[in-house]
Amino acid sequence: MSYPAARYLGEHGEVNAGFRPATAEPDFVSGSTTYHYLSTTASTGGEYGLYRVDMGPEAVGPSTHFHRSMSESFFILSGTMRLFDGRRWIDATSGDYLYVPVGGLHAFRNESGEPVSMLMLFAPGAPREEYFEGVTELAGLTEEERAEFFRRHDSFFV
């Protein structure tokens, strides 16, 4: 296995890094869940999307689903998150990690009664911020509109 082909051909590098302090306000809040858009598909040129998701103590999270165009990874920062790896539910805690390849069945939810914080990584990048924000409006959609929303956001529930 070798490194990918060079995409930067300059000789001296560039000053183009982006820093975001831990104290930055969340980009989106839905109930007791906050989303920090650390790296979006727009900011990474589609390479990946990285999000910090902080959930309150309520049991929230999607049921079993898969993605056809991207992998998804979960890294637990604090608390206990129930992760489904396609075979079993796992009580994941600080430092635990789950990688879900393209097409892999998975789900997650907070059943701990305590707050939980995790990083979610999507590769290649996709506009997941549109998904996070749109999910809050599903109740007002018809069944057909909901199905189209999930299809458009590469989320296929089983």
Protein backbone atom coordinates (compact mmCIF):
# COMPACT_ATOMS: atom_id res chain seq x y z
CA MET A 1 0.00 0.00 0.00
CA SER A 2 1.34 3.44 -0.82
CA TYR A 3 0.46 7.03 -0.14
CA PRO A 4 -2.10 8.74 -2.40
CA ALA A 5 -0.85 10.90 -5.26
CA ALA A 6 0.33 14.36 -4.24
CA ARG A 7 -2.35 17.03 -4.40
CA TYR A 8 -0.25 19.93 -3.19
CA LEU A 9 2.67 20.60 -5.48
CA GLY A 10 4.11 23.74 -3.89
CA GLU A 11 7.59 23.86 -2.38
CA HIS A 12 7.04 25.75 0.88
CA GLY A 13 3.62 24.83 2.25
CA GLU A 14 0.77 27.20 3.00
CA VAL A 15 -0.67 28.92 6.02
CA ASN A 16 -4.19 27.50 5.84
CA ALA A 17 -4.89 25.51 9.02
CA GLY A 18 -8.11 26.15 10.95
CA PHE A 19 -8.31 26.18 14.75
CA ARG A 20 -11.50 25.86 16.76
CA PRO A 21 -11.29 26.17 20.56
CA ALA A 22 -13.20 23.70 22.73
CA THR A 23 -15.15 26.68 24.10
CA ALA A 24 -16.67 27.57 20.71
CA GLU A 25 -20.46 27.80 20.72
CA PRO A 26 -22.26 24.87 19.06
CA ASP A 27 -23.32 25.32 15.45
CA PHE A 28 -26.72 23.75 15.99
CA VAL A 29 -28.84 22.89 19.03
CA SER A 30 -31.79 20.50 19.00
CA GLY A 31 -33.35 19.97 22.41
CA SER A 32 -30.56 18.77 24.69
CA THR A 33 -28.30 17.75 21.79
CA THR A 34 -25.65 20.14 20.50
CA TYR A 35 -23.69 19.79 17.28
CA HIS A 36 -20.25 21.25 16.67
CA TYR A 37 -19.42 21.27 12.96
CA LEU A 38 -15.66 20.79 13.33
CA SER A 39 -14.92 19.95 9.68
CA THR A 40 -17.66 19.90 7.09
CA THR A 41 -17.58 18.53 3.58
CA ALA A 42 -17.39 22.17 2.42
CA SER A 43 -14.35 22.97 4.58
CA THR A 44 -12.48 19.75 3.65
CA GLY A 45 -13.28 19.75 -0.05
CA GLY A 46 -15.39 16.61 0.41
CA GLU A 47 -12.64 14.54 2.05
CA TYR A 48 -14.50 13.98 5.30
CA GLY A 49 -16.87 15.50 7.83
CA LEU A 50 -16.09 15.58 11.56
CA TYR A 51 -18.70 16.53 14.15
CA ARG A 52 -18.74 16.68 17.94
CA VAL A 53 -22.16 15.68 19.23
CA ASP A 54 -23.06 16.31 22.87
CA MET A 55 -26.27 14.60 23.97
CA GLY A 56 -28.29 15.19 27.09
CA PRO A 57 -29.46 12.34 29.30
CA GLU A 58 -32.56 11.53 27.23
CA ALA A 59 -32.55 8.38 25.09
CA VAL A 60 -31.96 9.69 21.58
CA GLY A 61 -30.41 8.35 18.40
CA PRO A 62 -31.39 6.69 15.14
CA SER A 63 -32.53 3.10 14.73
CA THR A 64 -30.56 0.57 12.68
CA HIS A 65 -29.55 1.93 9.30
CA PHE A 66 -26.74 1.96 6.72
CA HIS A 67 -25.14 4.38 4.26
CA ARG A 68 -24.41 3.59 0.61
CA SER A 69 -21.82 6.29 -0.07
CA MET A 70 -19.86 6.90 3.14
CA SER A 71 -18.37 5.23 6.17
CA GLU A 72 -19.17 6.46 9.66
CA SER A 73 -17.01 6.35 12.78
CA PHE A 74 -17.79 7.04 16.42
CA PHE A 75 -15.28 8.02 19.11
CA ILE A 76 -16.68 8.42 22.61
CA LEU A 77 -15.27 11.41 24.47
CA SER A 78 -17.26 11.10 27.70
CA GLY A 79 -20.28 9.27 29.08
CA THR A 80 -21.74 5.98 27.89
CA MET A 81 -23.23 5.57 24.42
CA ARG A 82 -25.01 2.43 23.24
CA LEU A 83 -23.57 1.52 19.84
CA PHE A 84 -24.92 -1.18 17.53
CA ASP A 85 -22.24 -2.73 15.30
CA GLY A 86 -24.64 -4.76 13.16
CA ARG A 87 -24.40 -7.80 15.47
CA ARG A 88 -24.71 -6.54 19.03
CA TRP A 89 -25.27 -3.50 21.23
CA ILE A 90 -22.16 -2.29 23.06
CA ASP A 91 -21.98 0.14 26.00
CA ALA A 92 -19.17 2.35 24.68
CA THR A 93 -17.36 4.67 27.09
CA SER A 94 -14.60 7.28 26.95
CA GLY A 95 -11.93 6.25 24.46
CA ASP A 96 -14.01 3.57 22.73
CA TYR A 97 -14.22 3.67 18.94
CA LEU A 98 -16.49 2.10 16.31
CA TYR A 99 -15.78 2.15 12.57
CA VAL A 100 -18.69 1.33 10.25
CA PRO A 101 -17.70 0.69 6.61
CA VAL A 102 -19.93 1.71 3.72
CA GLY A 103 -23.08 -0.44 3.85
CA GLY A 104 -22.51 -1.46 7.47
CA LEU A 105 -25.55 -1.73 9.72
CA HIS A 106 -25.31 0.45 12.81
CA ALA A 107 -27.29 2.52 15.31
CA PHE A 108 -26.65 4.51 18.46
CA ARG A 109 -28.56 5.91 21.40
CA ASN A 110 -28.00 7.37 24.82
CA GLU A 111 -29.74 5.17 27.38
CA SER A 112 -27.43 6.03 30.28
CA GLY A 113 -29.54 8.77 31.86
CA GLU A 114 -26.37 10.92 31.78
CA PRO A 115 -24.90 13.29 29.18
CA VAL A 116 -22.60 11.81 26.53
CA SER A 117 -20.17 13.42 24.09
CA MET A 118 -18.75 11.82 20.95
CA LEU A 119 -17.02 12.55 17.67
CA MET A 120 -18.67 11.37 14.47
CA LEU A 121 -16.58 11.08 11.30
CA PHE A 122 -18.06 10.60 7.83
CA ALA A 123 -15.78 9.72 4.90
CA PRO A 124 -15.91 10.86 2.26
CA GLY A 125 -17.60 14.02 3.40
CA ALA A 126 -21.29 14.67 2.94
CA PRO A 127 -23.45 17.62 4.01
CA ARG A 128 -24.49 15.98 7.29
CA GLU A 129 -25.25 19.33 8.89
CA GLU A 130 -28.29 19.48 6.56
CA TYR A 131 -29.30 16.07 7.89
CA PHE A 132 -28.85 17.01 11.57
CA GLU A 133 -30.90 20.17 11.12
CA GLY A 134 -33.55 18.58 8.91
CA VAL A 135 -34.30 15.68 11.25
CA THR A 136 -35.97 18.15 13.62
CA GLU A 137 -38.60 18.89 10.94
CA LEU A 138 -39.57 15.29 10.08
CA ALA A 139 -42.79 15.35 12.10
CA GLY A 140 -44.28 17.91 9.73
CA LEU A 141 -43.51 15.90 6.58
CA THR A 142 -45.60 13.36 4.73
CA GLU A 143 -44.42 9.75 4.58
CA GLU A 144 -43.19 10.32 1.01
CA GLU A 145 -41.32 13.49 2.02
CA ARG A 146 -39.66 11.66 4.92
CA ALA A 147 -38.58 8.83 2.60
CA GLU A 148 -37.10 11.36 0.17
CA PHE A 149 -35.30 13.18 3.00
CA PHE A 150 -33.60 9.96 4.15
CA ARG A 151 -32.75 8.89 0.58
CA ARG A 152 -31.25 12.33 -0.14
CA HIS A 153 -29.14 12.05 3.01
CA ASP A 154 -27.92 8.48 2.35
CA SER A 155 -29.70 6.99 5.35
CA PHE A 156 -31.45 3.67 4.75
CA PHE A 157 -33.30 2.24 7.75
CA VAL A 158 -33.99 -1.48 8.19
